[in-house]
């Protein structure tokens, strides 16, 4: 099971300065594990944006137990006074929504394959 890392995130990872994405609760950037050199993503969530702390903790516990090729893997997480940091696998395929907009049209075969992968 993935547990909270008691070190500071900057003791374990070198975080990139560029953002990969931004949402309602925080932002995502890339990072590199200092010992292994593995590339990962880190989602930085402002604690002040978390309205229901118990629900958030439940969601993290669920992510800790999931191990499936179609669900993003949570490696570890960190907390400090200001933020929660969720370190996950780095997905480089882009957003499905952006792909839909770019393609404008999916054949039935392609749509069926994508939908099957989502399920």
C-alpha atoms as a PDB file:
ATOM      1  CA  UNK A   1       0.000   0.000   0.000  1.00  0.00           C
ATOM      2  CA  UNK A   2       1.162   3.529  -0.764  1.00  0.00           C
ATOM      3  CA  UNK A   3       1.658   5.587   2.380  1.00  0.00           C
ATOM      4  CA  UNK A   4       2.266   9.239   3.059  1.00  0.00           C
ATOM      5  CA  UNK A   5       5.946  10.094   2.724  1.00  0.00           C
ATOM      6  CA  UNK A   6       7.125  11.884   5.877  1.00  0.00           C
ATOM      7  CA  UNK A   7       9.927  13.718   4.064  1.00  0.00           C
ATOM      8  CA  UNK A   8       9.416  16.973   2.223  1.00  0.00           C
ATOM      9  CA  UNK A   9       8.668  16.524  -1.462  1.00  0.00           C
ATOM     10  CA  UNK A  10      11.780  18.490  -2.451  1.00  0.00           C
ATOM     11  CA  UNK A  11      13.933  16.011  -0.546  1.00  0.00           C
ATOM     12  CA  UNK A  12      12.684  13.204  -2.808  1.00  0.00           C
ATOM     13  CA  UNK A  13      11.842  14.871  -6.152  1.00  0.00           C
ATOM     14  CA  UNK A  14      13.182  17.595  -8.394  1.00  0.00           C
ATOM     15  CA  UNK A  15      10.043  19.394  -9.579  1.00  0.00           C
ATOM     16  CA  UNK A  16       9.836  20.960 -13.043  1.00  0.00           C
ATOM     17  CA  UNK A  17       9.073  24.661 -13.267  1.00  0.00           C
ATOM     18  CA  UNK A  18       6.647  24.262 -16.180  1.00  0.00           C
ATOM     19  CA  UNK A  19       3.023  23.287 -15.648  1.00  0.00           C
ATOM     20  CA  UNK A  20       1.523  20.312 -17.438  1.00  0.00           C
ATOM     21  CA  UNK A  21      -1.997  21.271 -16.443  1.00  0.00           C
ATOM     22  CA  UNK A  22      -4.138  23.290 -14.086  1.00  0.00           C
ATOM     23  CA  UNK A  23      -7.523  22.656 -12.557  1.00  0.00           C
ATOM     24  CA  UNK A  24      -9.904  23.871  -9.890  1.00  0.00           C
ATOM     25  CA  UNK A  25      -7.919  22.500  -6.969  1.00  0.00           C
ATOM     26  CA  UNK A  26      -4.340  22.950  -8.115  1.00  0.00           C
ATOM     27  CA  UNK A  27      -1.806  22.257 -10.811  1.00  0.00           C
ATOM     28  CA  UNK A  28       0.212  19.395 -12.278  1.00  0.00           C
ATOM     29  CA  UNK A  29       3.871  19.452 -13.212  1.00  0.00           C
ATOM     30  CA  UNK A  30       6.504  16.881 -14.002  1.00  0.00           C
ATOM     31  CA  UNK A  31       9.118  15.744 -11.524  1.00  0.00           C
ATOM     32  CA  UNK A  32      12.133  13.463 -11.335  1.00  0.00           C
ATOM     33  CA  UNK A  33      12.842  11.078  -8.454  1.00  0.00           C
ATOM     34  CA  UNK A  34      16.243  12.111  -7.097  1.00  0.00           C
ATOM     35  CA  UNK A  35      17.477   8.563  -6.383  1.00  0.00           C
ATOM     36  CA  UNK A  36      16.063   6.594  -9.318  1.00  0.00           C
ATOM     37  CA  UNK A  37      15.792   9.280 -12.017  1.00  0.00           C
ATOM     38  CA  UNK A  38      12.248   8.125 -12.827  1.00  0.00           C
ATOM     39  CA  UNK A  39       9.970  10.736 -14.411  1.00  0.00           C
ATOM     40  CA  UNK A  40       6.611  11.190 -12.732  1.00  0.00           C
ATOM     41  CA  UNK A  41       3.862  13.769 -12.383  1.00  0.00           C
ATOM     42  CA  UNK A  42       3.005  15.661  -9.223  1.00  0.00           C
ATOM     43  CA  UNK A  43      -0.427  17.115  -8.617  1.00  0.00           C
ATOM     44  CA  UNK A  44      -0.185  20.007  -6.176  1.00  0.00           C
ATOM     45  CA  UNK A  45      -3.464  20.611  -4.362  1.00  0.00           C
ATOM     46  CA  UNK A  46      -3.965  23.655  -2.174  1.00  0.00           C
ATOM     47  CA  UNK A  47      -5.210  22.532   1.223  1.00  0.00           C
ATOM     48  CA  UNK A  48      -7.440  25.620   1.342  1.00  0.00           C
ATOM     49  CA  UNK A  49      -9.329  24.330  -1.734  1.00  0.00           C
ATOM     50  CA  UNK A  50     -10.194  21.015  -0.061  1.00  0.00           C
ATOM     51  CA  UNK A  51     -13.677  21.644   1.353  1.00  0.00           C
ATOM     52  CA  UNK A  52     -14.324  18.151   2.685  1.00  0.00           C
ATOM     53  CA  UNK A  53     -11.110  16.731   4.155  1.00  0.00           C
ATOM     54  CA  UNK A  54     -12.651  13.334   5.008  1.00  0.00           C
ATOM     55  CA  UNK A  55     -13.898  12.845   1.456  1.00  0.00           C
ATOM     56  CA  UNK A  56     -10.492  13.837   0.068  1.00  0.00           C
ATOM     57  CA  UNK A  57      -8.763  11.324   2.355  1.00  0.00           C
ATOM     58  CA  UNK A  58     -11.197   8.622   1.203  1.00  0.00           C
ATOM     59  CA  UNK A  59     -10.365   9.372  -2.445  1.00  0.00           C
ATOM     60  CA  UNK A  60      -6.628   9.132  -1.690  1.00  0.00           C
ATOM     61  CA  UNK A  61      -7.166   5.805   0.107  1.00  0.00           C
ATOM     62  CA  UNK A  62      -9.032   4.483  -2.942  1.00  0.00           C
ATOM     63  CA  UNK A  63      -6.194   5.600  -5.245  1.00  0.00           C
ATOM     64  CA  UNK A  64      -3.721   3.867  -2.932  1.00  0.00           C
ATOM     65  CA  UNK A  65      -5.405   0.507  -3.451  1.00  0.00           C
ATOM     66  CA  UNK A  66      -5.947   0.678  -7.228  1.00  0.00           C
ATOM     67  CA  UNK A  67      -3.579  -1.166  -9.527  1.00  0.00           C
ATOM     68  CA  UNK A  68      -4.965  -1.318 -13.058  1.00  0.00           C
ATOM     69  CA  UNK A  69      -3.364  -0.486 -16.423  1.00  0.00           C
ATOM     70  CA  UNK A  70      -6.189   1.949 -17.302  1.00  0.00           C
ATOM     71  CA  UNK A  71      -6.130   3.868 -14.004  1.00  0.00           C
ATOM     72  CA  UNK A  72      -3.364   6.322 -13.190  1.00  0.00           C
ATOM     73  CA  UNK A  73      -0.984   4.920 -10.565  1.00  0.00           C
ATOM     74  CA  UNK A  74      -0.404   6.839  -7.345  1.00  0.00           C
ATOM     75  CA  UNK A  75       3.183   6.245  -6.188  1.00  0.00           C
ATOM     76  CA  UNK A  76       3.198   8.298  -3.002  1.00  0.00           C
ATOM     77  CA  UNK A  77       1.925  11.498  -1.492  1.00  0.00           C
ATOM     78  CA  UNK A  78       3.245  14.289   0.673  1.00  0.00           C
ATOM     79  CA  UNK A  79       1.650  16.965   2.825  1.00  0.00           C
ATOM     80  CA  UNK A  80       2.824  20.271   4.198  1.00  0.00           C
ATOM     81  CA  UNK A  81       1.047  23.219   5.807  1.00  0.00           C
ATOM     82  CA  UNK A  82      -0.097  24.624   2.450  1.00  0.00           C
ATOM     83  CA  UNK A  83      -0.391  21.751  -0.036  1.00  0.00           C
ATOM     84  CA  UNK A  84      -0.960  18.074  -0.649  1.00  0.00           C
ATOM     85  CA  UNK A  85       1.271  16.531  -3.333  1.00  0.00           C
ATOM     86  CA  UNK A  86       0.061  13.432  -5.190  1.00  0.00           C
ATOM     87  CA  UNK A  87       2.903  11.783  -7.123  1.00  0.00           C
ATOM     88  CA  UNK A  88       1.548   9.717 -10.009  1.00  0.00           C
ATOM     89  CA  UNK A  89       2.725   8.096 -13.187  1.00  0.00           C
ATOM     90  CA  UNK A  90       3.416  10.572 -15.970  1.00  0.00           C
ATOM     91  CA  UNK A  91       0.886  10.214 -18.788  1.00  0.00           C
ATOM     92  CA  UNK A  92       2.000  11.837 -22.027  1.00  0.00           C
ATOM     93  CA  UNK A  93      -0.867  10.953 -24.369  1.00  0.00           C
ATOM     94  CA  UNK A  94      -2.723  14.234 -23.934  1.00  0.00           C
ATOM     95  CA  UNK A  95      -6.338  14.911 -23.075  1.00  0.00           C
ATOM     96  CA  UNK A  96      -9.107  12.804 -24.620  1.00  0.00           C
ATOM     97  CA  UNK A  97     -11.226  15.951 -25.053  1.00  0.00           C
ATOM     98  CA  UNK A  98      -8.443  17.639 -27.061  1.00  0.00           C
ATOM     99  CA  UNK A  99      -8.180  14.553 -29.250  1.00  0.00           C
ATOM    100  CA  UNK A 100     -11.935  14.553 -29.875  1.00  0.00           C
ATOM    101  CA  UNK A 101     -11.851  18.241 -30.867  1.00  0.00           C
ATOM    102  CA  UNK A 102      -8.843  17.699 -33.153  1.00  0.00           C
ATOM    103  CA  UNK A 103     -10.304  14.653 -34.926  1.00  0.00           C
ATOM    104  CA  UNK A 104     -13.830  16.130 -35.223  1.00  0.00           C
ATOM    105  CA  UNK A 105     -15.020  12.665 -36.225  1.00  0.00           C
ATOM    106  CA  UNK A 106     -14.252   9.156 -35.013  1.00  0.00           C
ATOM    107  CA  UNK A 107     -15.191   6.102 -37.030  1.00  0.00           C
ATOM    108  CA  UNK A 108     -17.381   3.601 -35.230  1.00  0.00           C
ATOM    109  CA  UNK A 109     -14.391   1.228 -34.880  1.00  0.00           C
ATOM    110  CA  UNK A 110     -12.158   3.881 -33.306  1.00  0.00           C
ATOM    111  CA  UNK A 111     -14.943   5.108 -31.023  1.00  0.00           C
ATOM    112  CA  UNK A 112     -15.641   1.515 -29.900  1.00  0.00           C
ATOM    113  CA  UNK A 113     -11.929   0.939 -29.117  1.00  0.00           C
ATOM    114  CA  UNK A 114     -11.646   4.174 -27.125  1.00  0.00           C
ATOM    115  CA  UNK A 115     -14.850   3.474 -25.228  1.00  0.00           C
ATOM    116  CA  UNK A 116     -13.696  -0.074 -24.441  1.00  0.00           C
ATOM    117  CA  UNK A 117     -10.413   1.309 -23.062  1.00  0.00           C
ATOM    118  CA  UNK A 118     -12.311   3.782 -20.877  1.00  0.00           C
ATOM    119  CA  UNK A 119     -14.499   1.021 -19.488  1.00  0.00           C
END
